Amino acid sequence: MLKLENVWKTFNPGTINEKVALQCLNLTMEEGEFVTVIGGNGAGKSTMLNAVAGVFGVDSGKILIDGVDVTNLPEYKRAKYIGRVFQDPMMGTAATMQIEENLALAARRGKSRTLRGGITRAEREEYVEQLKILGLGLENRMTAKVGLLSGGQRQALTLLMATLQRPKLLLLDEHTAALDPKTAAKVLDATQRIVEKDHLTTLMITHNMRDAIAYGNRLIMMYDGHVVVDVSGEEKKKLTVEHLLSLFSQASGSDEVDDKMVLS
């Protein structure tokens, strides 16, 4: 469902601020895989996600989604393949619109516009059922303005909006990092339920090693712009933070794991 072949990306080439963010990055994800991505600051995690989403072009290499070469496609043309949830809970929703209106926008994304007005009864019933999955009681607040919701509620709503049309690929860019631990746990549980229900191919970046181990069926760790650890199946189920740190040291030849990742 996703294939990265020898992807390179350098920012500010030829200047004193030159930074090689991705180097010879290779990654293949099968349909339905839920891959968590861990790594220190500057490891290339968010750069990889942005490259897949088309936020910027890569210097060389190929990016394929469901067999389609999207390497040279602009961000808006890749949007039909991708659902995305950002770190900032304010980015994925329209604050001045109602919950049901936000869901209607997400449900109709990419479809032909018509003069038919409003939200039908059937659509509203469907939105209620979808909101129940989140377990936050939002199904009882359908006409509430999204700007009145908490950060966690908005992030959970963004997650639901990003998956309403079952994207080929779901990208989660540290989508719980701005939330308190209790709320983050709720959003992660909702993520797991939605991903499993719709069998979504998912790439989730996190700084939290325990979350990276607990969620998904495969874990990769990045260092210096490429993948240095890749575990799945039974091996992943048996992982501990200590074992993961040991694998990182062996694979990268470095003990440089930043404080944020360890303290998480």
Protein backbone atom coordinates (compact mmCIF):
# COMPACT_ATOMS: atom_id res chain seq x y z
CA MET A 1 0.00 0.00 0.00
CA LEU A 2 2.99 2.28 0.58
CA LYS A 3 6.44 1.94 -0.91
CA LEU A 4 9.40 4.27 -0.48
CA GLU A 5 12.35 3.47 -2.71
CA ASN A 6 15.76 5.07 -2.05
CA VAL A 7 14.25 8.40 -1.00
CA TRP A 8 16.61 11.33 -0.36
CA LYS A 9 15.79 14.80 0.93
CA THR A 10 18.21 17.61 1.80
CA PHE A 11 17.10 20.97 3.14
CA ASN A 12 19.08 24.16 2.35
CA PRO A 13 21.59 22.35 0.09
CA GLY A 14 24.89 24.11 -0.48
CA THR A 15 24.47 26.43 2.51
CA ILE A 16 25.83 26.48 6.04
CA ASN A 17 22.41 25.21 7.17
CA GLU A 18 22.42 22.16 4.90
CA LYS A 19 20.65 19.22 6.51
CA VAL A 20 20.30 15.74 5.01
CA ALA A 21 16.92 14.74 6.45
CA LEU A 22 16.31 11.49 4.53
CA GLN A 23 19.00 9.31 3.01
CA CYS A 24 18.42 6.15 1.04
CA LEU A 25 15.13 5.62 2.88
CA ASN A 26 13.35 2.38 1.99
CA LEU A 27 10.05 1.26 3.47
CA THR A 28 7.27 -1.06 2.29
CA MET A 29 3.89 -1.30 4.03
CA GLU A 30 1.33 -3.95 3.22
CA GLU A 31 -2.40 -3.25 3.18
CA GLY A 32 -3.83 -3.15 6.70
CA GLU A 33 -0.51 -2.75 8.49
CA PHE A 34 -0.44 -0.39 11.48
CA VAL A 35 3.15 0.83 11.74
CA THR A 36 4.38 2.98 14.63
CA VAL A 37 7.46 5.14 14.01
CA ILE A 38 9.88 6.11 16.78
CA GLY A 39 13.15 8.04 16.72
CA GLY A 40 15.02 10.94 18.27
CA ASN A 41 14.77 14.57 17.23
CA GLY A 42 16.08 15.01 13.69
CA ALA A 43 15.78 11.30 12.88
CA GLY A 44 13.58 12.06 9.84
CA LYS A 45 10.17 10.90 11.10
CA SER A 46 8.11 13.97 10.26
CA THR A 47 10.14 14.59 7.11
CA MET A 48 9.19 11.11 5.90
CA LEU A 49 5.51 11.73 6.66
CA ASN A 50 5.57 15.11 4.89
CA ALA A 51 7.32 13.58 1.89
CA VAL A 52 4.60 10.92 1.63
CA ALA A 53 1.88 13.56 1.98
CA GLY A 54 3.48 15.74 -0.71
CA VAL A 55 4.17 18.76 1.48
CA PHE A 56 7.46 19.04 -0.40
CA GLY A 57 9.18 17.16 -3.18
CA VAL A 58 12.02 14.71 -2.62
CA ASP A 59 15.45 15.04 -4.23
CA SER A 60 15.44 11.50 -5.59
CA GLY A 61 13.75 8.15 -5.14
CA LYS A 62 10.15 7.00 -5.56
CA ILE A 63 6.96 7.12 -3.48
CA LEU A 64 4.13 4.76 -4.41
CA ILE A 65 0.68 4.52 -2.81
CA ASP A 66 -1.36 1.44 -3.74
CA GLY A 67 0.89 0.93 -6.75
CA VAL A 68 0.47 4.50 -8.02
CA ASP A 69 3.65 6.56 -8.40
CA VAL A 70 2.84 9.81 -6.56
CA THR A 71 6.44 11.07 -6.37
CA ASN A 72 5.78 14.10 -8.56
CA LEU A 73 2.14 14.69 -7.61
CA PRO A 74 1.36 17.89 -5.65
CA GLU A 75 -0.13 17.65 -2.18
CA TYR A 76 -3.72 18.32 -3.24
CA LYS A 77 -3.65 15.50 -5.80
CA ARG A 78 -2.38 13.02 -3.21
CA ALA A 79 -5.18 14.00 -0.81
CA LYS A 80 -7.59 11.48 -2.34
CA TYR A 81 -5.31 8.66 -1.17
CA ILE A 82 -4.45 10.01 2.27
CA GLY A 83 -6.12 10.78 5.60
CA ARG A 84 -4.01 12.86 7.96
CA VAL A 85 -4.12 13.96 11.59
CA PHE A 86 -1.67 16.62 12.72
CA GLN A 87 -0.02 17.26 16.09
CA ASP A 88 -1.99 20.48 16.58
CA PRO A 89 -5.62 19.67 17.52
CA MET A 90 -6.75 22.98 15.99
CA MET A 91 -5.63 22.12 12.45
CA GLY A 92 -8.07 19.41 11.39
CA THR A 93 -11.45 21.02 12.06
CA ALA A 94 -13.44 24.18 11.32
CA ALA A 95 -13.98 25.84 14.70
CA THR A 96 -16.99 27.99 13.73
CA MET A 97 -18.95 25.07 12.26
CA GLN A 98 -20.99 22.44 14.07
CA ILE A 99 -19.76 18.90 14.70
CA GLU A 100 -22.20 17.46 12.15
CA GLU A 101 -21.19 20.11 9.58
CA ASN A 102 -17.51 19.19 9.98
CA LEU A 103 -18.38 15.53 9.47
CA ALA A 104 -20.45 16.38 6.40
CA LEU A 105 -17.49 18.23 4.88
CA ALA A 106 -15.25 15.23 5.48
CA ALA A 107 -17.82 12.76 4.12
CA ARG A 108 -18.26 14.75 0.91
CA ARG A 109 -14.59 15.43 0.26
CA GLY A 110 -13.73 14.79 -3.36
CA LYS A 111 -17.35 14.28 -4.39
CA SER A 112 -19.23 16.40 -6.92
CA ARG A 113 -20.88 19.48 -5.45
CA THR A 114 -24.64 19.82 -5.92
CA LEU A 115 -27.30 22.34 -4.98
CA ARG A 116 -28.83 19.89 -2.50
CA GLY A 117 -28.82 21.62 0.84
CA GLY A 118 -28.37 20.47 4.40
CA ILE A 119 -27.58 17.16 6.02
CA THR A 120 -30.03 14.34 5.47
CA ARG A 121 -31.54 12.31 8.28
CA ALA A 122 -29.69 9.21 7.09
CA GLU A 123 -26.38 11.09 7.12
CA ARG A 124 -27.05 12.41 10.61
CA GLU A 125 -27.82 8.92 11.88
CA GLU A 126 -24.59 7.65 10.34
CA TYR A 127 -22.59 10.43 12.01
CA VAL A 128 -24.12 9.55 15.39
CA GLU A 129 -23.02 5.92 15.01
CA GLN A 130 -19.52 6.96 13.97
CA LEU A 131 -19.17 9.37 16.90
CA LYS A 132 -20.14 6.61 19.34
CA ILE A 133 -16.91 4.83 18.39
CA LEU A 134 -14.93 7.63 20.03
CA GLY A 135 -16.58 7.09 23.41
CA LEU A 136 -16.58 10.80 24.23
CA GLY A 137 -20.31 11.54 24.14
CA LEU A 138 -20.01 13.77 21.09
CA GLU A 139 -22.95 11.99 19.47
CA ASN A 140 -25.14 13.94 21.92
CA ARG A 141 -23.65 17.29 20.86
CA MET A 142 -24.05 17.17 17.10
CA THR A 143 -24.99 20.84 16.75
CA ALA A 144 -22.28 22.17 19.09
CA LYS A 145 -19.66 24.44 17.55
CA VAL A 146 -16.34 22.62 17.29
CA GLY A 147 -14.54 25.62 18.77
CA LEU A 148 -16.24 24.84 22.10
CA LEU A 149 -14.67 21.38 22.31
CA SER A 150 -11.53 20.50 24.24
CA GLY A 151 -8.29 19.78 22.41
CA GLY A 152 -8.73 16.05 22.91
CA GLN A 153 -12.30 16.10 21.63
CA ARG A 154 -11.24 18.07 18.55
CA GLN A 155 -8.37 15.68 17.88
CA ALA A 156 -10.68 12.67 18.16
CA LEU A 157 -13.12 14.37 15.78
CA THR A 158 -10.27 15.09 13.35
CA LEU A 159 -9.33 11.41 13.47
CA LEU A 160 -12.88 10.42 12.62
CA MET A 161 -13.05 12.97 9.78
CA ALA A 162 -9.75 11.72 8.34
CA THR A 163 -11.08 8.16 8.17
CA LEU A 164 -14.71 8.63 7.11
CA GLN A 165 -13.89 7.84 3.49
CA ARG A 166 -11.46 5.03 4.31
CA PRO A 167 -8.23 6.47 2.90
CA LYS A 168 -5.63 4.23 1.27
CA LEU A 169 -3.19 5.48 3.88
CA LEU A 170 -3.71 7.11 7.29
CA LEU A 171 -0.89 9.37 8.50
CA LEU A 172 -0.77 10.26 12.21
CA ASP A 173 1.89 12.86 13.00
CA GLU A 174 2.34 12.73 16.79
CA HIS A 175 -1.40 13.26 17.02
CA THR A 176 -1.51 12.89 20.82
CA ALA A 177 1.64 14.88 21.68
CA ALA A 178 -0.28 18.06 22.57
CA LEU A 179 -2.77 16.25 24.84
CA ASP A 180 -2.62 15.40 28.52
CA PRO A 181 -1.85 11.72 29.26
CA LYS A 182 -5.43 10.72 30.11
CA THR A 183 -6.89 12.33 26.98
CA ALA A 184 -4.03 11.01 24.84
CA ALA A 185 -4.85 7.47 26.00
CA LYS A 186 -8.49 7.92 24.98
CA VAL A 187 -7.53 9.20 21.53
CA LEU A 188 -5.08 6.34 21.04
CA ASP A 189 -7.72 3.78 22.03
CA ALA A 190 -10.14 5.38 19.54
CA THR A 191 -7.38 5.24 16.92
CA GLN A 192 -6.89 1.52 17.51
CA ARG A 193 -10.63 0.84 17.24
CA ILE A 194 -11.07 2.81 14.01
CA VAL A 195 -7.97 1.32 12.38
CA GLU A 196 -9.02 -2.22 13.25
CA LYS A 197 -12.67 -1.69 12.26
CA ASP A 198 -11.82 -0.41 8.77
CA HIS A 199 -8.56 -2.37 8.34
CA LEU A 200 -6.73 0.88 7.57
CA THR A 201 -3.09 1.03 6.52
CA THR A 202 -1.65 3.39 9.13
CA LEU A 203 1.65 5.13 9.78
CA MET A 204 1.82 6.68 13.27
CA ILE A 205 4.71 8.81 14.49
CA THR A 206 5.22 9.04 18.24
CA HIS A 207 7.91 10.09 20.70
CA ASN A 208 6.48 7.75 23.31
CA MET A 209 8.26 4.39 23.27
CA ARG A 210 5.56 2.67 25.29
CA ASP A 211 2.86 3.82 22.87
CA ALA A 212 5.00 2.71 19.92
CA ILE A 213 5.25 -0.74 21.50
CA ALA A 214 1.62 -1.00 22.66
CA TYR A 215 -0.09 0.04 19.41
CA GLY A 216 0.12 -1.32 15.89
CA ASN A 217 1.46 -4.60 14.55
CA ARG A 218 4.84 -3.31 13.40
CA LEU A 219 7.39 -0.83 14.76
CA ILE A 220 10.19 0.98 12.98
CA MET A 221 12.84 3.20 14.50
CA MET A 222 14.55 5.87 12.42
CA TYR A 223 18.00 7.36 12.84
CA ASP A 224 19.90 9.78 10.62
CA GLY A 225 17.21 9.75 7.92
CA HIS A 226 16.68 6.01 7.46
CA VAL A 227 15.21 2.96 9.19
CA VAL A 228 17.55 1.20 11.63
CA VAL A 229 15.07 -1.04 13.50
CA ASP A 230 12.07 -2.87 12.02
CA VAL A 231 10.15 -5.37 14.16
CA SER A 232 6.73 -6.94 13.78
CA GLY A 233 4.58 -9.90 14.83
CA GLU A 234 5.59 -11.87 17.90
CA GLU A 235 8.90 -10.03 18.18
CA LYS A 236 7.05 -6.73 18.58
CA LYS A 237 4.65 -8.17 21.15
CA LYS A 238 7.60 -9.16 23.33
CA LEU A 239 9.34 -5.77 23.07
CA THR A 240 10.17 -3.72 26.15
CA VAL A 241 11.58 -0.19 26.25
CA GLU A 242 14.92 -1.56 27.41
CA HIS A 243 15.02 -4.10 24.57
CA LEU A 244 14.09 -1.40 22.06
CA LEU A 245 16.89 0.86 23.26
CA SER A 246 19.30 -2.06 22.97
CA LEU A 247 18.15 -2.77 19.40
CA PHE A 248 18.62 0.90 18.54
CA SER A 249 22.17 0.97 19.90
CA GLN A 250 23.10 -2.18 17.98
CA ALA A 251 21.57 -1.05 14.70
CA SER A 252 22.71 2.58 14.71
CA GLY A 253 26.02 2.24 16.52
CA SER A 254 24.87 5.13 18.70
CA ASP A 255 23.43 5.67 22.17
CA GLU A 256 22.06 9.08 21.17
CA VAL A 257 18.39 8.87 22.04
CA ASP A 258 17.01 12.25 23.04
CA ASP A 259 15.50 12.93 26.47
CA LYS A 260 12.01 13.51 25.08
CA MET A 261 11.82 9.97 23.75
CA VAL A 262 13.17 8.35 26.92
CA LEU A 263 11.08 10.45 29.35
CA SER A 264 7.89 9.81 27.38
